[in-house]
């Protein structure tokens, strides 16, 4: 019976853990404005120092229209899913050495929130 109670307790926490890992898009919008918006836009086709991040989730790396990517990013052949975005914004140079990206986000909740927000931004 004790084993059942422990297993039941773990399963009942699963939605809480999943919700936390998914991030908070509203908080992510604020974090994006404070951390990313100086270099990136979320408007399709509006590139700044960095490419537009409209529709970035699920997009192959180095493919935002009209943006001139570094050779490193053009040759990276990544797909921007949540895990890859998290690795990249944690330490872009470790994932794609030679990228133009130089800002990192060390707080995992902030990263999750930004990625959740980016998931809401369509092409």
N, C-alpha and C. Protein backbone atom coordinates (compact mmCIF):
# COMPACT_ATOMS: atom_id res chain seq x y z
N UNK A 1 0.82 -1.19 0.00
CA UNK A 1 0.00 0.00 0.00
C UNK A 1 0.87 1.26 0.00
N UNK A 2 1.96 1.21 0.74
CA UNK A 2 2.85 2.38 0.81
C UNK A 2 3.44 2.68 -0.57
N UNK A 3 3.83 1.63 -1.31
CA UNK A 3 4.39 1.80 -2.65
C UNK A 3 3.36 2.47 -3.56
N UNK A 4 2.10 2.06 -3.46
CA UNK A 4 1.03 2.66 -4.24
C UNK A 4 0.90 4.14 -3.92
N UNK A 5 0.94 4.48 -2.66
CA UNK A 5 0.81 5.88 -2.24
C UNK A 5 1.95 6.73 -2.80
N UNK A 6 3.15 6.19 -2.79
CA UNK A 6 4.30 6.93 -3.32
C UNK A 6 4.14 7.12 -4.83
N UNK A 7 3.78 6.03 -5.54
CA UNK A 7 3.60 6.13 -6.98
C UNK A 7 2.46 7.08 -7.33
N UNK A 8 1.36 7.00 -6.59
CA UNK A 8 0.24 7.89 -6.84
C UNK A 8 0.67 9.34 -6.63
N UNK A 9 1.45 9.58 -5.60
CA UNK A 9 1.94 10.93 -5.32
C UNK A 9 2.81 11.46 -6.44
N UNK A 10 3.66 10.61 -7.01
CA UNK A 10 4.52 11.04 -8.11
C UNK A 10 3.69 11.37 -9.35
N UNK A 11 2.70 10.52 -9.65
CA UNK A 11 1.86 10.78 -10.82
C UNK A 11 1.02 12.03 -10.64
N UNK A 12 0.62 12.31 -9.44
CA UNK A 12 -0.20 13.50 -9.23
C UNK A 12 0.62 14.78 -9.39
N UNK A 13 1.94 14.69 -9.27
CA UNK A 13 2.81 15.86 -9.46
C UNK A 13 3.16 16.09 -10.92
N UNK A 14 2.96 15.10 -11.77
CA UNK A 14 3.36 15.20 -13.17
C UNK A 14 2.82 16.44 -13.86
N UNK A 15 1.51 16.78 -13.75
CA UNK A 15 1.03 17.99 -14.43
C UNK A 15 1.69 19.26 -13.91
N UNK A 16 2.02 19.31 -12.62
CA UNK A 16 2.67 20.50 -12.06
C UNK A 16 4.06 20.66 -12.65
N UNK A 17 4.80 19.56 -12.73
CA UNK A 17 6.15 19.60 -13.31
C UNK A 17 6.08 19.99 -14.78
N UNK A 18 5.13 19.40 -15.52
CA UNK A 18 5.01 19.72 -16.95
C UNK A 18 4.64 21.18 -17.15
N UNK A 19 3.74 21.71 -16.34
CA UNK A 19 3.35 23.11 -16.47
C UNK A 19 4.52 24.03 -16.18
N UNK A 20 5.31 23.69 -15.19
CA UNK A 20 6.48 24.50 -14.85
C UNK A 20 7.49 24.48 -15.99
N UNK A 21 7.73 23.28 -16.55
CA UNK A 21 8.72 23.16 -17.61
C UNK A 21 8.28 23.90 -18.87
N UNK A 22 6.98 24.02 -19.09
CA UNK A 22 6.49 24.67 -20.30
C UNK A 22 6.68 26.18 -20.25
N UNK A 23 6.78 26.75 -19.08
CA UNK A 23 7.00 28.18 -18.95
C UNK A 23 5.70 28.97 -18.97
N UNK A 24 5.81 30.23 -18.68
CA UNK A 24 4.70 31.16 -18.60
C UNK A 24 4.89 32.19 -19.72
N UNK A 25 4.04 32.12 -20.74
CA UNK A 25 4.20 32.98 -21.91
C UNK A 25 4.08 34.47 -21.57
N UNK A 26 3.20 34.82 -20.62
CA UNK A 26 3.06 36.24 -20.24
C UNK A 26 4.34 36.75 -19.59
N UNK A 27 4.90 35.95 -18.70
CA UNK A 27 6.18 36.33 -18.09
C UNK A 27 7.27 36.35 -19.16
N UNK A 28 7.21 35.41 -20.07
CA UNK A 28 8.19 35.34 -21.15
C UNK A 28 8.16 36.56 -22.05
N UNK A 29 6.96 37.11 -22.27
CA UNK A 29 6.86 38.32 -23.08
C UNK A 29 7.59 39.48 -22.40
N UNK A 30 7.42 39.58 -21.08
CA UNK A 30 8.12 40.63 -20.32
C UNK A 30 9.63 40.38 -20.34
N UNK A 31 10.03 39.12 -20.15
CA UNK A 31 11.46 38.78 -20.16
C UNK A 31 12.07 39.03 -21.53
N UNK A 32 11.32 38.70 -22.59
CA UNK A 32 11.80 38.94 -23.95
C UNK A 32 12.03 40.44 -24.16
N UNK A 33 11.08 41.25 -23.73
CA UNK A 33 11.21 42.70 -23.88
C UNK A 33 12.45 43.23 -23.17
N UNK A 34 12.74 42.68 -22.00
CA UNK A 34 13.87 43.15 -21.19
C UNK A 34 15.21 42.59 -21.66
N UNK A 35 15.20 41.39 -22.24
CA UNK A 35 16.45 40.69 -22.52
C UNK A 35 16.77 40.58 -24.01
N UNK A 36 15.76 40.41 -24.83
CA UNK A 36 15.98 40.03 -26.23
C UNK A 36 15.61 41.09 -27.25
N UNK A 37 14.63 41.95 -26.91
CA UNK A 37 14.04 42.86 -27.90
C UNK A 37 15.00 43.90 -28.44
N UNK A 38 16.09 44.18 -27.77
CA UNK A 38 17.05 45.14 -28.30
C UNK A 38 17.66 44.63 -29.61
N UNK A 39 17.78 43.31 -29.73
CA UNK A 39 18.41 42.72 -30.92
C UNK A 39 17.46 41.93 -31.81
N UNK A 40 16.31 41.51 -31.26
CA UNK A 40 15.38 40.66 -32.01
C UNK A 40 13.98 41.24 -32.00
N UNK A 41 13.29 41.05 -33.11
CA UNK A 41 11.88 41.41 -33.24
C UNK A 41 11.06 40.13 -33.24
N UNK A 42 9.78 40.26 -32.93
CA UNK A 42 8.85 39.13 -33.09
C UNK A 42 7.88 39.42 -34.23
N UNK A 43 8.18 40.44 -35.02
CA UNK A 43 7.39 40.76 -36.21
C UNK A 43 8.04 40.04 -37.40
N UNK A 44 7.25 39.29 -38.13
CA UNK A 44 7.76 38.57 -39.29
C UNK A 44 8.45 39.53 -40.26
N UNK A 45 9.63 39.18 -40.69
CA UNK A 45 10.38 39.98 -41.66
C UNK A 45 11.08 41.19 -41.10
N UNK A 46 10.92 41.47 -39.81
CA UNK A 46 11.58 42.64 -39.21
C UNK A 46 12.83 42.18 -38.47
N UNK A 47 13.94 42.17 -39.19
CA UNK A 47 15.21 41.78 -38.61
C UNK A 47 15.89 43.00 -38.00
N UNK A 48 16.59 42.77 -36.92
CA UNK A 48 17.39 43.81 -36.28
C UNK A 48 18.84 43.34 -36.33
N UNK A 49 19.60 43.55 -35.26
CA UNK A 49 20.95 43.01 -35.19
C UNK A 49 20.88 41.48 -35.29
N UNK A 50 19.84 40.90 -34.69
CA UNK A 50 19.55 39.47 -34.81
C UNK A 50 18.33 39.28 -35.68
N UNK A 51 18.07 38.04 -36.09
CA UNK A 51 16.93 37.79 -36.96
C UNK A 51 15.60 37.92 -36.23
N UNK A 52 14.54 38.10 -37.00
CA UNK A 52 13.20 38.06 -36.44
C UNK A 52 12.97 36.69 -35.82
N UNK A 53 12.33 36.67 -34.66
CA UNK A 53 12.03 35.39 -34.01
C UNK A 53 10.57 34.99 -34.18
N UNK A 54 9.87 35.66 -35.09
CA UNK A 54 8.51 35.26 -35.41
C UNK A 54 8.54 33.85 -36.00
N UNK A 55 7.80 32.95 -35.42
CA UNK A 55 7.75 31.57 -35.92
C UNK A 55 9.02 30.77 -35.72
N UNK A 56 9.86 31.18 -34.78
CA UNK A 56 11.15 30.51 -34.60
C UNK A 56 11.00 29.08 -34.09
N UNK A 57 10.02 28.82 -33.24
CA UNK A 57 9.86 27.47 -32.69
C UNK A 57 9.45 26.52 -33.82
N UNK A 58 10.29 25.53 -34.04
CA UNK A 58 10.07 24.56 -35.11
C UNK A 58 10.80 24.89 -36.40
N UNK A 59 11.38 26.07 -36.48
CA UNK A 59 12.06 26.51 -37.70
C UNK A 59 13.50 25.99 -37.72
N UNK A 60 14.00 25.64 -38.90
CA UNK A 60 15.42 25.29 -39.01
C UNK A 60 16.29 26.52 -38.76
N UNK A 61 17.43 26.32 -38.14
CA UNK A 61 18.34 27.43 -37.85
C UNK A 61 18.86 28.05 -39.15
N UNK A 62 19.12 29.35 -39.07
CA UNK A 62 19.73 30.05 -40.20
C UNK A 62 18.79 30.27 -41.37
N UNK A 63 17.46 30.34 -41.12
CA UNK A 63 16.54 30.43 -42.25
C UNK A 63 15.54 31.59 -42.19
N UNK A 64 15.69 32.52 -41.27
CA UNK A 64 14.77 33.67 -41.25
C UNK A 64 15.00 34.49 -42.52
N UNK A 65 13.94 34.75 -43.27
CA UNK A 65 14.10 35.48 -44.53
C UNK A 65 14.73 36.86 -44.34
N UNK A 66 15.66 37.18 -45.23
CA UNK A 66 16.24 38.51 -45.25
C UNK A 66 17.32 38.78 -44.22
N UNK A 67 17.69 37.79 -43.42
CA UNK A 67 18.73 38.01 -42.41
C UNK A 67 20.03 37.38 -42.87
N UNK A 68 21.13 38.09 -42.69
CA UNK A 68 22.45 37.57 -43.06
C UNK A 68 23.06 36.89 -41.83
N UNK A 69 23.04 35.57 -41.84
CA UNK A 69 23.56 34.78 -40.72
C UNK A 69 25.06 34.61 -40.79
N UNK A 70 25.65 34.34 -39.63
CA UNK A 70 27.06 33.95 -39.59
C UNK A 70 27.18 32.60 -40.29
N UNK A 71 28.36 32.30 -40.78
CA UNK A 71 28.60 31.00 -41.40
C UNK A 71 28.32 29.89 -40.41
N UNK A 72 28.70 30.10 -39.15
CA UNK A 72 28.47 29.09 -38.12
C UNK A 72 26.99 28.75 -38.01
N UNK A 73 26.13 29.75 -38.00
CA UNK A 73 24.69 29.49 -37.87
C UNK A 73 24.14 28.90 -39.15
N UNK A 74 24.58 29.38 -40.27
CA UNK A 74 24.11 28.84 -41.55
C UNK A 74 24.44 27.36 -41.67
N UNK A 75 25.57 26.95 -41.11
CA UNK A 75 26.02 25.56 -41.19
C UNK A 75 25.59 24.70 -40.01
N UNK A 76 24.85 25.26 -39.05
CA UNK A 76 24.53 24.53 -37.81
C UNK A 76 23.51 23.41 -38.01
N UNK A 77 22.56 23.59 -38.90
CA UNK A 77 21.54 22.57 -39.19
C UNK A 77 20.80 22.09 -37.94
N UNK A 78 20.32 23.06 -37.16
CA UNK A 78 19.52 22.76 -35.96
C UNK A 78 18.06 23.01 -36.27
N UNK A 79 17.20 22.47 -35.45
CA UNK A 79 15.79 22.83 -35.48
C UNK A 79 15.49 23.46 -34.14
N UNK A 80 14.88 24.62 -34.16
CA UNK A 80 14.63 25.37 -32.93
C UNK A 80 13.41 24.83 -32.17
N UNK A 81 13.62 23.73 -31.47
CA UNK A 81 12.61 23.23 -30.55
C UNK A 81 12.95 23.78 -29.16
N UNK A 82 12.11 23.49 -28.18
CA UNK A 82 12.31 24.05 -26.84
C UNK A 82 13.67 23.67 -26.26
N UNK A 83 14.07 22.42 -26.40
CA UNK A 83 15.35 21.98 -25.83
C UNK A 83 16.53 22.67 -26.49
N UNK A 84 16.50 22.80 -27.80
CA UNK A 84 17.61 23.43 -28.52
C UNK A 84 17.66 24.93 -28.24
N UNK A 85 16.50 25.58 -28.20
CA UNK A 85 16.47 27.00 -27.85
C UNK A 85 17.02 27.22 -26.44
N UNK A 86 16.66 26.35 -25.52
CA UNK A 86 17.15 26.49 -24.15
C UNK A 86 18.67 26.37 -24.09
N UNK A 87 19.22 25.39 -24.79
CA UNK A 87 20.68 25.24 -24.83
C UNK A 87 21.33 26.48 -25.46
N UNK A 88 20.72 26.97 -26.53
CA UNK A 88 21.30 28.10 -27.24
C UNK A 88 21.30 29.37 -26.40
N UNK A 89 20.17 29.67 -25.76
CA UNK A 89 20.15 30.92 -25.01
C UNK A 89 20.83 30.79 -23.65
N UNK A 90 21.17 29.57 -23.26
CA UNK A 90 22.02 29.38 -22.07
C UNK A 90 23.45 29.74 -22.39
N UNK A 91 23.94 29.25 -23.53
CA UNK A 91 25.33 29.49 -23.94
C UNK A 91 25.41 29.28 -25.45
N UNK A 92 25.13 30.32 -26.18
CA UNK A 92 25.06 30.21 -27.64
C UNK A 92 26.37 29.73 -28.26
N UNK A 93 27.49 30.21 -27.75
CA UNK A 93 28.79 29.84 -28.32
C UNK A 93 29.12 28.36 -28.10
N UNK A 94 28.62 27.78 -27.02
CA UNK A 94 28.86 26.36 -26.77
C UNK A 94 28.10 25.50 -27.77
N UNK A 95 26.91 25.95 -28.18
CA UNK A 95 26.11 25.18 -29.13
C UNK A 95 26.50 25.47 -30.57
N UNK A 96 26.73 26.74 -30.89
CA UNK A 96 27.09 27.14 -32.26
C UNK A 96 28.27 28.10 -32.15
N UNK A 97 29.46 27.54 -32.10
CA UNK A 97 30.66 28.36 -31.97
C UNK A 97 30.80 29.26 -33.20
N UNK A 98 30.88 30.57 -32.95
CA UNK A 98 31.02 31.53 -34.04
C UNK A 98 29.74 32.24 -34.40
N UNK A 99 28.65 31.95 -33.66
CA UNK A 99 27.41 32.66 -33.90
C UNK A 99 27.56 34.12 -33.50
N UNK A 100 26.69 34.99 -34.02
CA UNK A 100 26.70 36.40 -33.64
C UNK A 100 26.06 36.63 -32.27
N UNK A 101 25.29 35.67 -31.82
CA UNK A 101 24.57 35.79 -30.54
C UNK A 101 25.58 35.87 -29.39
N UNK A 102 25.38 36.84 -28.51
CA UNK A 102 26.32 37.01 -27.41
C UNK A 102 25.65 37.14 -26.05
N UNK A 103 24.34 37.25 -26.00
CA UNK A 103 23.62 37.37 -24.74
C UNK A 103 23.21 35.97 -24.28
N UNK A 104 23.29 35.72 -22.99
CA UNK A 104 22.84 34.44 -22.46
C UNK A 104 21.84 34.68 -21.34
N UNK A 105 21.02 33.67 -21.10
CA UNK A 105 20.01 33.73 -20.04
C UNK A 105 20.30 32.56 -19.11
N UNK A 106 20.84 32.85 -17.94
CA UNK A 106 21.26 31.79 -17.04
C UNK A 106 20.13 31.20 -16.21
N UNK A 107 19.06 31.94 -15.99
CA UNK A 107 17.96 31.46 -15.16
C UNK A 107 17.05 30.54 -15.97
N UNK A 108 16.90 29.29 -15.54
CA UNK A 108 16.14 28.30 -16.30
C UNK A 108 14.66 28.67 -16.42
N UNK A 109 14.09 29.25 -15.38
CA UNK A 109 12.67 29.64 -15.46
C UNK A 109 12.48 30.76 -16.46
N UNK A 110 13.40 31.71 -16.47
CA UNK A 110 13.33 32.79 -17.45
C UNK A 110 13.44 32.23 -18.86
N UNK A 111 14.35 31.29 -19.08
CA UNK A 111 14.48 30.65 -20.40
C UNK A 111 13.18 29.95 -20.78
N UNK A 112 12.62 29.17 -19.85
CA UNK A 112 11.36 28.47 -20.14
C UNK A 112 10.26 29.46 -20.49
N UNK A 113 10.20 30.56 -19.78
CA UNK A 113 9.17 31.57 -20.02
C UNK A 113 9.36 32.23 -21.40
N UNK A 114 10.58 32.58 -21.74
CA UNK A 114 10.86 33.19 -23.05
C UNK A 114 10.50 32.21 -24.16
N UNK A 115 10.86 30.96 -24.00
CA UNK A 115 10.56 29.95 -25.02
C UNK A 115 9.05 29.75 -25.14
N UNK A 116 8.34 29.75 -24.00
CA UNK A 116 6.88 29.65 -24.05
C UNK A 116 6.29 30.83 -24.83
N UNK A 117 6.81 32.02 -24.59
CA UNK A 117 6.35 33.20 -25.33
C UNK A 117 6.65 33.06 -26.80
N UNK A 118 7.86 32.66 -27.16
CA UNK A 118 8.21 32.51 -28.57
C UNK A 118 7.31 31.49 -29.26
N UNK A 119 6.84 30.51 -28.51
CA UNK A 119 5.92 29.53 -29.06
C UNK A 119 4.56 30.11 -29.43
N UNK A 120 4.25 31.29 -28.91
CA UNK A 120 2.97 31.94 -29.22
C UNK A 120 3.09 32.92 -30.37
N UNK A 121 4.30 33.16 -30.83
CA UNK A 121 4.54 34.17 -31.87
C UNK A 121 4.59 33.48 -33.22
N UNK A 122 3.56 33.72 -34.02
CA UNK A 122 3.44 33.07 -35.33
C UNK A 122 4.24 33.82 -36.39
N UNK A 123 4.34 33.21 -37.54
CA UNK A 123 5.05 33.82 -38.69
C UNK A 123 4.39 35.10 -39.10
